[in-house]
Amino acid sequence: MAMATFATNRTTAGMSAGFVVYIIGAFAAWNDARITRNALSKLSARELDDIGLCISDIDMIASRTAR
């Protein structure tokens, strides 16, 4: 009969640090999208047209920034 063993000496510090880095990255991406959305929302329809956008493009552009 075989016994199952598992290591109990592995640290979880690497997993915790990776999670924190992920959360910080996700927050930074969200903030970039928020800033982009706010800046584009302040432009008039004519100003948006000058840069080749329309009002309905704002959310799409902001979501691309979040990636």
N, C-alpha and C. Protein backbone atom coordinates (compact mmCIF):
# COMPACT_ATOMS: atom_id res chain seq x y z
N MET A 1 0.84 -1.17 0.00
CA MET A 1 0.00 0.00 0.00
C MET A 1 0.89 1.24 0.00
N ALA A 2 0.57 2.20 -0.88
CA ALA A 2 1.37 3.42 -0.99
C ALA A 2 0.76 4.51 -0.12
N MET A 3 1.67 5.32 0.44
CA MET A 3 1.21 6.45 1.26
C MET A 3 1.30 7.74 0.45
N ALA A 4 0.33 8.56 0.60
CA ALA A 4 0.36 9.86 -0.05
C ALA A 4 1.05 10.86 0.87
N THR A 5 1.92 11.63 0.28
CA THR A 5 2.61 12.66 1.07
C THR A 5 2.47 13.99 0.37
N PHE A 6 2.59 15.02 1.14
CA PHE A 6 2.59 16.36 0.56
C PHE A 6 3.54 17.23 1.37
N ALA A 7 4.11 18.21 0.69
CA ALA A 7 5.08 19.08 1.34
C ALA A 7 4.36 20.14 2.17
N THR A 8 4.80 20.31 3.39
CA THR A 8 4.22 21.34 4.25
C THR A 8 5.19 22.49 4.47
N ASN A 9 6.31 22.47 3.79
CA ASN A 9 7.33 23.50 4.00
C ASN A 9 7.36 24.55 2.89
N ARG A 10 6.35 24.56 2.03
CA ARG A 10 6.30 25.56 0.95
C ARG A 10 5.76 26.87 1.49
N THR A 11 6.37 27.95 1.08
CA THR A 11 5.91 29.26 1.52
C THR A 11 4.81 29.78 0.60
N THR A 12 3.93 30.56 1.14
CA THR A 12 2.87 31.16 0.34
C THR A 12 3.18 32.62 0.06
N ALA A 13 4.36 33.09 0.42
CA ALA A 13 4.71 34.49 0.23
C ALA A 13 4.68 34.87 -1.25
N GLY A 14 5.15 34.00 -2.12
CA GLY A 14 5.14 34.30 -3.54
C GLY A 14 3.74 34.45 -4.09
N MET A 15 2.84 33.62 -3.64
CA MET A 15 1.45 33.71 -4.10
C MET A 15 0.80 34.99 -3.58
N SER A 16 1.09 35.36 -2.35
CA SER A 16 0.52 36.58 -1.79
C SER A 16 1.04 37.81 -2.51
N ALA A 17 2.34 37.83 -2.80
CA ALA A 17 2.93 38.96 -3.50
C ALA A 17 2.35 39.07 -4.91
N GLY A 18 2.17 37.95 -5.57
CA GLY A 18 1.59 37.95 -6.91
C GLY A 18 0.17 38.49 -6.91
N PHE A 19 -0.58 38.14 -5.89
CA PHE A 19 -1.95 38.61 -5.77
C PHE A 19 -1.97 40.12 -5.56
N VAL A 20 -1.08 40.62 -4.71
CA VAL A 20 -1.02 42.06 -4.45
C VAL A 20 -0.64 42.80 -5.73
N VAL A 21 0.32 42.28 -6.47
CA VAL A 21 0.73 42.91 -7.72
C VAL A 21 -0.44 42.92 -8.71
N TYR A 22 -1.19 41.84 -8.76
CA TYR A 22 -2.36 41.77 -9.64
C TYR A 22 -3.40 42.82 -9.26
N ILE A 23 -3.68 42.95 -7.98
CA ILE A 23 -4.67 43.92 -7.50
C ILE A 23 -4.21 45.34 -7.81
N ILE A 24 -2.94 45.63 -7.60
CA ILE A 24 -2.42 46.97 -7.89
C ILE A 24 -2.53 47.25 -9.39
N GLY A 25 -2.20 46.27 -10.21
CA GLY A 25 -2.32 46.44 -11.66
C GLY A 25 -3.75 46.66 -12.11
N ALA A 26 -4.67 45.92 -11.53
CA ALA A 26 -6.09 46.06 -11.87
C ALA A 26 -6.60 47.44 -11.45
N PHE A 27 -6.17 47.91 -10.29
CA PHE A 27 -6.57 49.23 -9.83
C PHE A 27 -6.01 50.32 -10.75
N ALA A 28 -4.75 50.18 -11.15
CA ALA A 28 -4.13 51.16 -12.05
C ALA A 28 -4.84 51.20 -13.40
N ALA A 29 -5.21 50.04 -13.92
CA ALA A 29 -5.93 49.99 -15.20
C ALA A 29 -7.30 50.63 -15.08
N TRP A 30 -7.99 50.35 -13.97
CA TRP A 30 -9.30 50.97 -13.75
C TRP A 30 -9.19 52.48 -13.67
N ASN A 31 -8.16 52.95 -12.96
CA ASN A 31 -7.98 54.39 -12.80
C ASN A 31 -7.63 55.06 -14.13
N ASP A 32 -6.79 54.42 -14.93
CA ASP A 32 -6.47 54.95 -16.27
C ASP A 32 -7.73 55.07 -17.13
N ALA A 33 -8.58 54.05 -17.08
CA ALA A 33 -9.82 54.08 -17.86
C ALA A 33 -10.74 55.18 -17.35
N ARG A 34 -10.79 55.36 -16.04
CA ARG A 34 -11.63 56.41 -15.46
C ARG A 34 -11.16 57.79 -15.89
N ILE A 35 -9.86 58.02 -15.85
CA ILE A 35 -9.30 59.31 -16.25
C ILE A 35 -9.55 59.57 -17.73
N THR A 36 -9.35 58.54 -18.55
CA THR A 36 -9.59 58.68 -19.99
C THR A 36 -11.05 59.00 -20.26
N ARG A 37 -11.96 58.27 -19.62
CA ARG A 37 -13.40 58.49 -19.81
C ARG A 37 -13.78 59.91 -19.39
N ASN A 38 -13.25 60.38 -18.28
CA ASN A 38 -13.57 61.73 -17.81
C ASN A 38 -13.03 62.79 -18.77
N ALA A 39 -11.82 62.60 -19.27
CA ALA A 39 -11.23 63.58 -20.19
C ALA A 39 -12.01 63.64 -21.50
N LEU A 40 -12.36 62.49 -22.04
CA LEU A 40 -13.12 62.47 -23.29
C LEU A 40 -14.54 63.00 -23.10
N SER A 41 -15.11 62.77 -21.94
CA SER A 41 -16.47 63.24 -21.68
C SER A 41 -16.55 64.76 -21.61
N LYS A 42 -15.45 65.40 -21.31
CA LYS A 42 -15.43 66.86 -21.23
C LYS A 42 -15.36 67.53 -22.60
N LEU A 43 -15.04 66.74 -23.64
CA LEU A 43 -14.95 67.30 -24.99
C LEU A 43 -16.33 67.45 -25.61
N SER A 44 -16.47 68.46 -26.44
CA SER A 44 -17.74 68.65 -27.16
C SER A 44 -17.82 67.67 -28.32
N ALA A 45 -18.99 67.54 -28.91
CA ALA A 45 -19.18 66.65 -30.06
C ALA A 45 -18.27 67.08 -31.21
N ARG A 46 -18.09 68.38 -31.39
CA ARG A 46 -17.22 68.87 -32.46
C ARG A 46 -15.76 68.51 -32.20
N GLU A 47 -15.31 68.66 -30.96
CA GLU A 47 -13.94 68.32 -30.61
C GLU A 47 -13.69 66.82 -30.79
N LEU A 48 -14.66 66.01 -30.40
CA LEU A 48 -14.54 64.57 -30.60
C LEU A 48 -14.47 64.25 -32.09
N ASP A 49 -15.29 64.93 -32.89
CA ASP A 49 -15.28 64.71 -34.34
C ASP A 49 -13.93 65.09 -34.94
N ASP A 50 -13.30 66.13 -34.40
CA ASP A 50 -11.98 66.55 -34.88
C ASP A 50 -10.92 65.46 -34.70
N ILE A 51 -11.07 64.66 -33.65
CA ILE A 51 -10.10 63.59 -33.42
C ILE A 51 -10.62 62.23 -33.90
N GLY A 52 -11.72 62.26 -34.62
CA GLY A 52 -12.23 61.04 -35.25
C GLY A 52 -13.07 60.16 -34.34
N LEU A 53 -13.66 60.75 -33.32
CA LEU A 53 -14.49 59.98 -32.39
C LEU A 53 -15.89 60.57 -32.33
N CYS A 54 -16.81 59.80 -31.78
CA CYS A 54 -18.13 60.32 -31.47
C CYS A 54 -18.43 59.95 -30.02
N ILE A 55 -19.50 60.51 -29.50
CA ILE A 55 -19.81 60.32 -28.07
C ILE A 55 -19.94 58.85 -27.71
N SER A 56 -20.49 58.06 -28.61
CA SER A 56 -20.67 56.64 -28.31
C SER A 56 -19.36 55.86 -28.28
N ASP A 57 -18.26 56.45 -28.75
CA ASP A 57 -16.96 55.78 -28.74
C ASP A 57 -16.25 55.88 -27.39
N ILE A 58 -16.70 56.77 -26.52
CA ILE A 58 -15.98 57.04 -25.28
C ILE A 58 -15.82 55.80 -24.43
N ASP A 59 -16.88 55.06 -24.19
CA ASP A 59 -16.79 53.86 -23.35
C ASP A 59 -15.87 52.81 -23.97
N MET A 60 -15.92 52.66 -25.29
CA MET A 60 -15.06 51.68 -25.96
C MET A 60 -13.59 52.06 -25.79
N ILE A 61 -13.26 53.33 -25.98
CA ILE A 61 -11.89 53.79 -25.84
C ILE A 61 -11.42 53.63 -24.41
N ALA A 62 -12.25 53.97 -23.46
CA ALA A 62 -11.88 53.86 -22.05
C ALA A 62 -11.67 52.40 -21.65
N SER A 63 -12.48 51.50 -22.18
CA SER A 63 -12.30 50.09 -21.84
C SER A 63 -11.02 49.51 -22.45
N ARG A 64 -10.61 50.03 -23.59
CA ARG A 64 -9.33 49.61 -24.18
C ARG A 64 -8.17 50.07 -23.31
N THR A 65 -8.31 51.24 -22.70
CA THR A 65 -7.28 51.78 -21.83
C THR A 65 -7.09 50.88 -20.62
N ALA A 66 -8.16 50.26 -20.17
CA ALA A 66 -8.11 49.42 -18.98
C ALA A 66 -7.35 48.12 -19.20
N ARG A 67 -7.10 47.74 -20.40
CA ARG A 67 -6.41 46.47 -20.65
C ARG A 67 -4.96 46.58 -20.52
